[in-house]
Amino acid sequence: MRELIEISRALGTGLHESDLGSWRATLLGLSPDAKTSMLQDVEAGRKTEVEAFAGTVIELGAKAGVPTPVNRLLFDMLRTIEQSY
């Protein structure tokens, strides 16, 4: 999320550090038994939405000159998992 905030700063799209608090509250409100759609896709051996999410962050980071090592790592890891199906 911090990578996305840095990209937003560079592009002037309005995300701020304070937005993390809202997301944190949302995440803490989720059931501990819930599974993300990406986890459900991995468990079912389906292609995930990693390109739409992390792929887009990586692309925007490149355009804005903002490094996105966390999103790159997650992107590469999920691609590796998908290739193992």
PDB file of N, CA and C in Angstrom:
ATOM      1  N   MET A   1       0.815  -1.187   0.000  1.00  0.00           N
ATOM      2  CA  MET A   1       0.000   0.000   0.000  1.00  0.00           C
ATOM      3  C   MET A   1       0.864   1.258   0.000  1.00  0.00           C
ATOM      4  N   ARG A   2       1.973   1.185   0.678  1.00  0.00           N
ATOM      5  CA  ARG A   2       2.851   2.367   0.705  1.00  0.00           C
ATOM      6  C   ARG A   2       3.415   2.650  -0.690  1.00  0.00           C
ATOM      7  N   GLU A   3       3.695   1.594  -1.443  1.00  0.00           N
ATOM      8  CA  GLU A   3       4.179   1.816  -2.810  1.00  0.00           C
ATOM      9  C   GLU A   3       3.118   2.565  -3.619  1.00  0.00           C
ATOM     10  N   LEU A   4       1.887   2.186  -3.459  1.00  0.00           N
ATOM     11  CA  LEU A   4       0.812   2.849  -4.186  1.00  0.00           C
ATOM     12  C   LEU A   4       0.646   4.305  -3.740  1.00  0.00           C
ATOM     13  N   ILE A   5       0.812   4.571  -2.471  1.00  0.00           N
ATOM     14  CA  ILE A   5       0.743   5.954  -1.982  1.00  0.00           C
ATOM     15  C   ILE A   5       1.865   6.794  -2.599  1.00  0.00           C
ATOM     16  N   GLU A   6       3.063   6.218  -2.691  1.00  0.00           N
ATOM     17  CA  GLU A   6       4.179   6.951  -3.311  1.00  0.00           C
ATOM     18  C   GLU A   6       3.900   7.219  -4.794  1.00  0.00           C
ATOM     19  N   ILE A   7       3.322   6.243  -5.470  1.00  0.00           N
ATOM     20  CA  ILE A   7       2.959   6.437  -6.884  1.00  0.00           C
ATOM     21  C   ILE A   7       1.921   7.551  -6.992  1.00  0.00           C
ATOM     22  N   SER A   8       0.931   7.508  -6.109  1.00  0.00           N
ATOM     23  CA  SER A   8      -0.112   8.530  -6.118  1.00  0.00           C
ATOM     24  C   SER A   8       0.475   9.925  -5.896  1.00  0.00           C
ATOM     25  N   ARG A   9       1.418  10.023  -4.979  1.00  0.00           N
ATOM     26  CA  ARG A   9       2.080  11.320  -4.743  1.00  0.00           C
ATOM     27  C   ARG A   9       2.760  11.809  -6.016  1.00  0.00           C
ATOM     28  N   ALA A  10       3.475  10.887  -6.661  1.00  0.00           N
ATOM     29  CA  ALA A  10       4.214  11.265  -7.870  1.00  0.00           C
ATOM     30  C   ALA A  10       3.272  11.674  -9.005  1.00  0.00           C
ATOM     31  N   LEU A  11       2.112  11.029  -9.075  1.00  0.00           N
ATOM     32  CA  LEU A  11       1.174  11.318 -10.157  1.00  0.00           C
ATOM     33  C   LEU A  11       0.110  12.354  -9.765  1.00  0.00           C
ATOM     34  N   GLY A  12       0.091  12.711  -8.474  1.00  0.00           N
ATOM     35  CA  GLY A  12      -0.866  13.704  -8.007  1.00  0.00           C
ATOM     36  C   GLY A  12      -2.309  13.224  -8.012  1.00  0.00           C
ATOM     37  N   THR A  13      -2.524  11.964  -7.659  1.00  0.00           N
ATOM     38  CA  THR A  13      -3.886  11.413  -7.713  1.00  0.00           C
ATOM     39  C   THR A  13      -4.603  11.372  -6.372  1.00  0.00           C
ATOM     40  N   GLY A  14      -3.978  11.829  -5.298  1.00  0.00           N
ATOM     41  CA  GLY A  14      -4.710  12.070  -4.071  1.00  0.00           C
ATOM     42  C   GLY A  14      -4.680  11.061  -2.950  1.00  0.00           C
ATOM     43  N   LEU A  15      -3.944   9.970  -3.057  1.00  0.00           N
ATOM     44  CA  LEU A  15      -3.839   9.073  -1.908  1.00  0.00           C
ATOM     45  C   LEU A  15      -2.823   9.638  -0.930  1.00  0.00           C
ATOM     46  N   HIS A  16      -3.078   9.421   0.369  1.00  0.00           N
ATOM     47  CA  HIS A  16      -2.201   9.940   1.410  1.00  0.00           C
ATOM     48  C   HIS A  16      -1.949   8.866   2.455  1.00  0.00           C
ATOM     49  N   GLU A  17      -0.962   9.096   3.263  1.00  0.00           N
ATOM     50  CA  GLU A  17      -0.616   8.174   4.356  1.00  0.00           C
ATOM     51  C   GLU A  17      -1.837   7.903   5.249  1.00  0.00           C
ATOM     52  N   SER A  18      -2.679   8.903   5.431  1.00  0.00           N
ATOM     53  CA  SER A  18      -3.869   8.737   6.278  1.00  0.00           C
ATOM     54  C   SER A  18      -4.844   7.700   5.719  1.00  0.00           C
ATOM     55  N   ASP A  19      -4.785   7.436   4.423  1.00  0.00           N
ATOM     56  CA  ASP A  19      -5.661   6.425   3.816  1.00  0.00           C
ATOM     57  C   ASP A  19      -5.348   5.021   4.336  1.00  0.00           C
ATOM     58  N   LEU A  20      -4.132   4.820   4.825  1.00  0.00           N
ATOM     59  CA  LEU A  20      -3.774   3.507   5.372  1.00  0.00           C
ATOM     60  C   LEU A  20      -4.638   3.143   6.573  1.00  0.00           C
ATOM     61  N   GLY A  21      -4.986   4.129   7.393  1.00  0.00           N
ATOM     62  CA  GLY A  21      -5.815   3.870   8.572  1.00  0.00           C
ATOM     63  C   GLY A  21      -7.174   3.313   8.203  1.00  0.00           C
ATOM     64  N   SER A  22      -7.774   3.843   7.157  1.00  0.00           N
ATOM     65  CA  SER A  22      -9.080   3.344   6.714  1.00  0.00           C
ATOM     66  C   SER A  22      -8.979   1.894   6.264  1.00  0.00           C
ATOM     67  N   TRP A  23      -7.950   1.609   5.493  1.00  0.00           N
ATOM     68  CA  TRP A  23      -7.783   0.235   4.997  1.00  0.00           C
ATOM     69  C   TRP A  23      -7.474  -0.722   6.138  1.00  0.00           C
ATOM     70  N   ARG A  24      -6.687  -0.264   7.080  1.00  0.00           N
ATOM     71  CA  ARG A  24      -6.362  -1.114   8.234  1.00  0.00           C
ATOM     72  C   ARG A  24      -7.635  -1.486   8.987  1.00  0.00           C
ATOM     73  N   ALA A  25      -8.500  -0.512   9.207  1.00  0.00           N
ATOM     74  CA  ALA A  25      -9.772  -0.779   9.901  1.00  0.00           C
ATOM     75  C   ALA A  25     -10.615  -1.769   9.100  1.00  0.00           C
ATOM     76  N   THR A  26     -10.645  -1.615   7.801  1.00  0.00           N
ATOM     77  CA  THR A  26     -11.402  -2.537   6.948  1.00  0.00           C
ATOM     78  C   THR A  26     -10.833  -3.945   7.048  1.00  0.00           C
ATOM     79  N   LEU A  27      -9.523  -4.064   6.943  1.00  0.00           N
ATOM     80  CA  LEU A  27      -8.887  -5.383   6.996  1.00  0.00           C
ATOM     81  C   LEU A  27      -9.095  -6.054   8.351  1.00  0.00           C
ATOM     82  N   LEU A  28      -9.002  -5.275   9.422  1.00  0.00           N
ATOM     83  CA  LEU A  28      -9.200  -5.846  10.762  1.00  0.00           C
ATOM     84  C   LEU A  28     -10.641  -6.282  10.988  1.00  0.00           C
ATOM     85  N   GLY A  29     -11.572  -5.738  10.210  1.00  0.00           N
ATOM     86  CA  GLY A  29     -12.975  -6.099  10.338  1.00  0.00           C
ATOM     87  C   GLY A  29     -13.362  -7.360   9.594  1.00  0.00           C
ATOM     88  N   LEU A  30     -12.446  -7.895   8.791  1.00  0.00           N
ATOM     89  CA  LEU A  30     -12.755  -9.104   8.023  1.00  0.00           C
ATOM     90  C   LEU A  30     -12.694 -10.335   8.914  1.00  0.00           C
ATOM     91  N   SER A  31     -13.471 -11.321   8.562  1.00  0.00           N
ATOM     92  CA  SER A  31     -13.471 -12.579   9.298  1.00  0.00           C
ATOM     93  C   SER A  31     -12.112 -13.261   9.147  1.00  0.00           C
ATOM     94  N   PRO A  32     -11.569 -13.812  10.225  1.00  0.00           N
ATOM     95  CA  PRO A  32     -10.288 -14.523  10.106  1.00  0.00           C
ATOM     96  C   PRO A  32     -10.405 -15.793   9.259  1.00  0.00           C
ATOM     97  N   ASP A  33     -11.622 -16.261   9.038  1.00  0.00           N
ATOM     98  CA  ASP A  33     -11.836 -17.448   8.209  1.00  0.00           C
ATOM     99  C   ASP A  33     -12.017 -17.111   6.738  1.00  0.00           C
ATOM    100  N   ALA A  34     -12.108 -15.828   6.413  1.00  0.00           N
ATOM    101  CA  ALA A  34     -12.324 -15.410   5.023  1.00  0.00           C
ATOM    102  C   ALA A  34     -11.065 -15.677   4.189  1.00  0.00           C
ATOM    103  N   LYS A  35     -11.294 -15.925   2.912  1.00  0.00           N
ATOM    104  CA  LYS A  35     -10.191 -16.128   1.974  1.00  0.00           C
ATOM    105  C   LYS A  35     -10.335 -15.129   0.839  1.00  0.00           C
ATOM    106  N   THR A  36      -9.227 -14.535   0.451  1.00  0.00           N
ATOM    107  CA  THR A  36      -9.269 -13.611  -0.675  1.00  0.00           C
ATOM    108  C   THR A  36      -9.576 -14.378  -1.952  1.00  0.00           C
ATOM    109  N   SER A  37     -10.037 -13.649  -2.956  1.00  0.00           N
ATOM    110  CA  SER A  37     -10.331 -14.297  -4.241  1.00  0.00           C
ATOM    111  C   SER A  37      -9.060 -14.885  -4.850  1.00  0.00           C
ATOM    112  N   MET A  38      -7.920 -14.218  -4.626  1.00  0.00           N
ATOM    113  CA  MET A  38      -6.674 -14.757  -5.176  1.00  0.00           C
ATOM    114  C   MET A  38      -6.294 -16.070  -4.503  1.00  0.00           C
ATOM    115  N   LEU A  39      -6.468 -16.162  -3.198  1.00  0.00           N
ATOM    116  CA  LEU A  39      -6.181 -17.419  -2.515  1.00  0.00           C
ATOM    117  C   LEU A  39      -7.123 -18.506  -3.013  1.00  0.00           C
ATOM    118  N   GLN A  40      -8.385 -18.172  -3.191  1.00  0.00           N
ATOM    119  CA  GLN A  40      -9.331 -19.149  -3.716  1.00  0.00           C
ATOM    120  C   GLN A  40      -8.924 -19.607  -5.113  1.00  0.00           C
ATOM    121  N   ASP A  41      -8.440 -18.676  -5.938  1.00  0.00           N
ATOM    122  CA  ASP A  41      -7.966 -19.039  -7.279  1.00  0.00           C
ATOM    123  C   ASP A  41      -6.770 -19.983  -7.198  1.00  0.00           C
ATOM    124  N   VAL A  42      -5.810 -19.678  -6.343  1.00  0.00           N
ATOM    125  CA  VAL A  42      -4.625 -20.523  -6.189  1.00  0.00           C
ATOM    126  C   VAL A  42      -5.037 -21.921  -5.725  1.00  0.00           C
ATOM    127  N   GLU A  43      -5.905 -21.985  -4.737  1.00  0.00           N
ATOM    128  CA  GLU A  43      -6.342 -23.288  -4.223  1.00  0.00           C
ATOM    129  C   GLU A  43      -7.075 -24.103  -5.282  1.00  0.00           C
ATOM    130  N   ALA A  44      -7.754 -23.430  -6.202  1.00  0.00           N
ATOM    131  CA  ALA A  44      -8.498 -24.120  -7.260  1.00  0.00           C
ATOM    132  C   ALA A  44      -7.661 -24.320  -8.524  1.00  0.00           C
ATOM    133  N   GLY A  45      -6.414 -23.825  -8.513  1.00  0.00           N
ATOM    134  CA  GLY A  45      -5.546 -23.973  -9.682  1.00  0.00           C
ATOM    135  C   GLY A  45      -5.932 -23.064 -10.843  1.00  0.00           C
ATOM    136  N   ARG A  46      -6.562 -21.940 -10.528  1.00  0.00           N
ATOM    137  CA  ARG A  46      -6.972 -20.984 -11.558  1.00  0.00           C
ATOM    138  C   ARG A  46      -5.972 -19.837 -11.661  1.00  0.00           C
ATOM    139  N   LYS A  47      -6.010 -19.172 -12.814  1.00  0.00           N
ATOM    140  CA  LYS A  47      -5.218 -17.955 -13.008  1.00  0.00           C
ATOM    141  C   LYS A  47      -5.753 -16.892 -12.050  1.00  0.00           C
ATOM    142  N   THR A  48      -4.849 -16.146 -11.425  1.00  0.00           N
ATOM    143  CA  THR A  48      -5.242 -15.116 -10.461  1.00  0.00           C
ATOM    144  C   THR A  48      -5.384 -13.756 -11.146  1.00  0.00           C
ATOM    145  N   GLU A  49      -5.751 -12.766 -10.353  1.00  0.00           N
ATOM    146  CA  GLU A  49      -5.872 -11.392 -10.835  1.00  0.00           C
ATOM    147  C   GLU A  49      -4.603 -10.593 -10.545  1.00  0.00           C
ATOM    148  N   VAL A  50      -3.491 -11.274 -10.343  1.00  0.00           N
ATOM    149  CA  VAL A  50      -2.255 -10.584  -9.947  1.00  0.00           C
ATOM    150  C   VAL A  50      -1.818  -9.554 -10.986  1.00  0.00           C
ATOM    151  N   GLU A  51      -2.065  -9.827 -12.244  1.00  0.00           N
ATOM    152  CA  GLU A  51      -1.665  -8.863 -13.267  1.00  0.00           C
ATOM    153  C   GLU A  51      -2.485  -7.574 -13.152  1.00  0.00           C
ATOM    154  N   ALA A  52      -3.772  -7.717 -12.867  1.00  0.00           N
ATOM    155  CA  ALA A  52      -4.642  -6.537 -12.732  1.00  0.00           C
ATOM    156  C   ALA A  52      -4.282  -5.716 -11.500  1.00  0.00           C
ATOM    157  N   PHE A  53      -3.815  -6.366 -10.459  1.00  0.00           N
ATOM    158  CA  PHE A  53      -3.498  -5.655  -9.223  1.00  0.00           C
ATOM    159  C   PHE A  53      -2.023  -5.266  -9.173  1.00  0.00           C
ATOM    160  N   ALA A  54      -1.157  -6.201  -8.831  1.00  0.00           N
ATOM    161  CA  ALA A  54       0.277  -5.893  -8.703  1.00  0.00           C
ATOM    162  C   ALA A  54       0.870  -5.468 -10.039  1.00  0.00           C
ATOM    163  N   GLY A  55       0.411  -6.074 -11.129  1.00  0.00           N
ATOM    164  CA  GLY A  55       0.927  -5.702 -12.448  1.00  0.00           C
ATOM    165  C   GLY A  55       0.676  -4.236 -12.762  1.00  0.00           C
ATOM    166  N   THR A  56      -0.508  -3.766 -12.421  1.00  0.00           N
ATOM    167  CA  THR A  56      -0.851  -2.361 -12.653  1.00  0.00           C
ATOM    168  C   THR A  56      -0.025  -1.446 -11.766  1.00  0.00           C
ATOM    169  N   VAL A  57       0.181  -1.822 -10.511  1.00  0.00           N
ATOM    170  CA  VAL A  57       1.010  -1.015  -9.608  1.00  0.00           C
ATOM    171  C   VAL A  57       2.435  -0.938 -10.145  1.00  0.00           C
ATOM    172  N   ILE A  58       2.969  -2.045 -10.606  1.00  0.00           N
ATOM    173  CA  ILE A  58       4.330  -2.075 -11.170  1.00  0.00           C
ATOM    174  C   ILE A  58       4.426  -1.149 -12.379  1.00  0.00           C
ATOM    175  N   GLU A  59       3.425  -1.231 -13.246  1.00  0.00           N
ATOM    176  CA  GLU A  59       3.396  -0.396 -14.457  1.00  0.00           C
ATOM    177  C   GLU A  59       3.316   1.099 -14.104  1.00  0.00           C
ATOM    178  N   LEU A  60       2.424   1.436 -13.189  1.00  0.00           N
ATOM    179  CA  LEU A  60       2.296   2.842 -12.775  1.00  0.00           C
ATOM    180  C   LEU A  60       3.564   3.334 -12.077  1.00  0.00           C
ATOM    181  N   GLY A  61       4.179   2.452 -11.285  1.00  0.00           N
ATOM    182  CA  GLY A  61       5.423   2.813 -10.618  1.00  0.00           C
ATOM    183  C   GLY A  61       6.515   3.140 -11.617  1.00  0.00           C
ATOM    184  N   ALA A  62       6.605   2.331 -12.669  1.00  0.00           N
ATOM    185  CA  ALA A  62       7.610   2.578 -13.710  1.00  0.00           C
ATOM    186  C   ALA A  62       7.367   3.929 -14.381  1.00  0.00           C
ATOM    187  N   LYS A  63       6.106   4.231 -14.677  1.00  0.00           N
ATOM    188  CA  LYS A  63       5.775   5.514 -15.308  1.00  0.00           C
ATOM    189  C   LYS A  63       6.102   6.691 -14.396  1.00  0.00           C
ATOM    190  N   ALA A  64       5.893   6.504 -13.092  1.00  0.00           N
ATOM    191  CA  ALA A  64       6.102   7.594 -12.124  1.00  0.00           C
ATOM    192  C   ALA A  64       7.525   7.641 -11.582  1.00  0.00           C
ATOM    193  N   GLY A  65       8.348   6.649 -11.936  1.00  0.00           N
ATOM    194  CA  GLY A  65       9.706   6.601 -11.404  1.00  0.00           C
ATOM    195  C   GLY A  65       9.760   6.185  -9.944  1.00  0.00           C
ATOM    196  N   VAL A  66       8.773   5.385  -9.515  1.00  0.00           N
ATOM    197  CA  VAL A  66       8.692   4.928  -8.126  1.00  0.00           C
ATOM    198  C   VAL A  66       8.968   3.424  -8.086  1.00  0.00           C
ATOM    199  N   PRO A  67       9.967   2.985  -7.337  1.00  0.00           N
ATOM    200  CA  PRO A  67      10.247   1.557  -7.232  1.00  0.00           C
ATOM    201  C   PRO A  67       9.083   0.819  -6.560  1.00  0.00           C
ATOM    202  N   THR A  68       8.828  -0.416  -7.013  1.00  0.00           N
ATOM    203  CA  THR A  68       7.727  -1.215  -6.450  1.00  0.00           C
ATOM    204  C   THR A  68       8.225  -2.633  -6.131  1.00  0.00           C
ATOM    205  N   PRO A  69       9.231  -2.756  -5.273  1.00  0.00           N
ATOM    206  CA  PRO A  69       9.816  -4.080  -5.021  1.00  0.00           C
ATOM    207  C   PRO A  69       8.856  -5.074  -4.354  1.00  0.00           C
ATOM    208  N   VAL A  70       7.981  -4.606  -3.485  1.00  0.00           N
ATOM    209  CA  VAL A  70       7.049  -5.532  -2.824  1.00  0.00           C
ATOM    210  C   VAL A  70       6.040  -6.063  -3.834  1.00  0.00           C
ATOM    211  N   ASN A  71       5.471  -5.184  -4.629  1.00  0.00           N
ATOM    212  CA  ASN A  71       4.518  -5.639  -5.645  1.00  0.00           C
ATOM    213  C   ASN A  71       5.199  -6.518  -6.678  1.00  0.00           C
ATOM    214  N   ARG A  72       6.433  -6.216  -7.039  1.00  0.00           N
ATOM    215  CA  ARG A  72       7.173  -7.053  -7.992  1.00  0.00           C
ATOM    216  C   ARG A  72       7.379  -8.455  -7.417  1.00  0.00           C
ATOM    217  N   LEU A  73       7.778  -8.530  -6.149  1.00  0.00           N
ATOM    218  CA  LEU A  73       8.000  -9.828  -5.508  1.00  0.00           C
ATOM    219  C   LEU A  73       6.707 -10.638  -5.477  1.00  0.00           C
ATOM    220  N   LEU A  74       5.614 -10.023  -5.040  1.00  0.00           N
ATOM    221  CA  LEU A  74       4.334 -10.733  -4.995  1.00  0.00           C
ATOM    222  C   LEU A  74       3.886 -11.151  -6.389  1.00  0.00           C
ATOM    223  N   PHE A  75       4.058 -10.280  -7.366  1.00  0.00           N
ATOM    224  CA  PHE A  75       3.719 -10.587  -8.752  1.00  0.00           C
ATOM    225  C   PHE A  75       4.497 -11.815  -9.227  1.00  0.00           C
ATOM    226  N   ASP A  76       5.815 -11.783  -9.026  1.00  0.00           N
ATOM    227  CA  ASP A  76       6.664 -12.896  -9.473  1.00  0.00           C
ATOM    228  C   ASP A  76       6.324 -14.195  -8.748  1.00  0.00           C
ATOM    229  N   MET A  77       6.047 -14.104  -7.456  1.00  0.00           N
ATOM    230  CA  MET A  77       5.713 -15.307  -6.691  1.00  0.00           C
ATOM    231  C   MET A  77       4.390 -15.918  -7.172  1.00  0.00           C
ATOM    232  N   LEU A  78       3.395 -15.091  -7.388  1.00  0.00           N
ATOM    233  CA  LEU A  78       2.113 -15.633  -7.855  1.00  0.00           C
ATOM    234  C   LEU A  78       2.211 -16.175  -9.270  1.00  0.00           C
ATOM    235  N   ARG A  79       2.993 -15.535 -10.114  1.00  0.00           N
ATOM    236  CA  ARG A  79       3.214 -16.066 -11.478  1.00  0.00           C
ATOM    237  C   ARG A  79       3.884 -17.443 -11.402  1.00  0.00           C
ATOM    238  N   THR A  80       4.842 -17.583 -10.502  1.00  0.00           N
ATOM    239  CA  THR A  80       5.520 -18.877 -10.328  1.00  0.00           C
ATOM    240  C   THR A  80       4.527 -19.932  -9.868  1.00  0.00           C
ATOM    241  N   ILE A  81       3.674 -19.587  -8.930  1.00  0.00           N
ATOM    242  CA  ILE A  81       2.650 -20.524  -8.460  1.00  0.00           C
ATOM    243  C   ILE A  81       1.726 -20.906  -9.616  1.00  0.00           C
ATOM    244  N   GLU A  82       1.286 -19.934 -10.404  1.00  0.00           N
ATOM    245  CA  GLU A  82       0.395 -20.212 -11.537  1.00  0.00           C
ATOM    246  C   GLU A  82       1.063 -21.140 -12.555  1.00  0.00           C
ATOM    247  N   GLN A  83       2.352 -20.962 -12.776  1.00  0.00           N
ATOM    248  CA  GLN A  83       3.069 -21.804 -13.736  1.00  0.00           C
ATOM    249  C   GLN A  83       3.222 -23.244 -13.244  1.00  0.00           C
ATOM    250  N   SER A  84       3.039 -23.456 -11.940  1.00  0.00           N
ATOM    251  CA  SER A  84       3.194 -24.809 -11.393  1.00  0.00           C
ATOM    252  C   SER A  84       1.912 -25.640 -11.518  1.00  0.00           C
ATOM    253  N   TYR A  85       0.810 -25.041 -11.938  1.00  0.00           N
ATOM    254  CA  TYR A  85      -0.452 -25.784 -12.058  1.00  0.00           C
ATOM    255  C   TYR A  85      -0.328 -26.880 -13.098  1.00  0.00           C
TER     256      TYR A  85
END
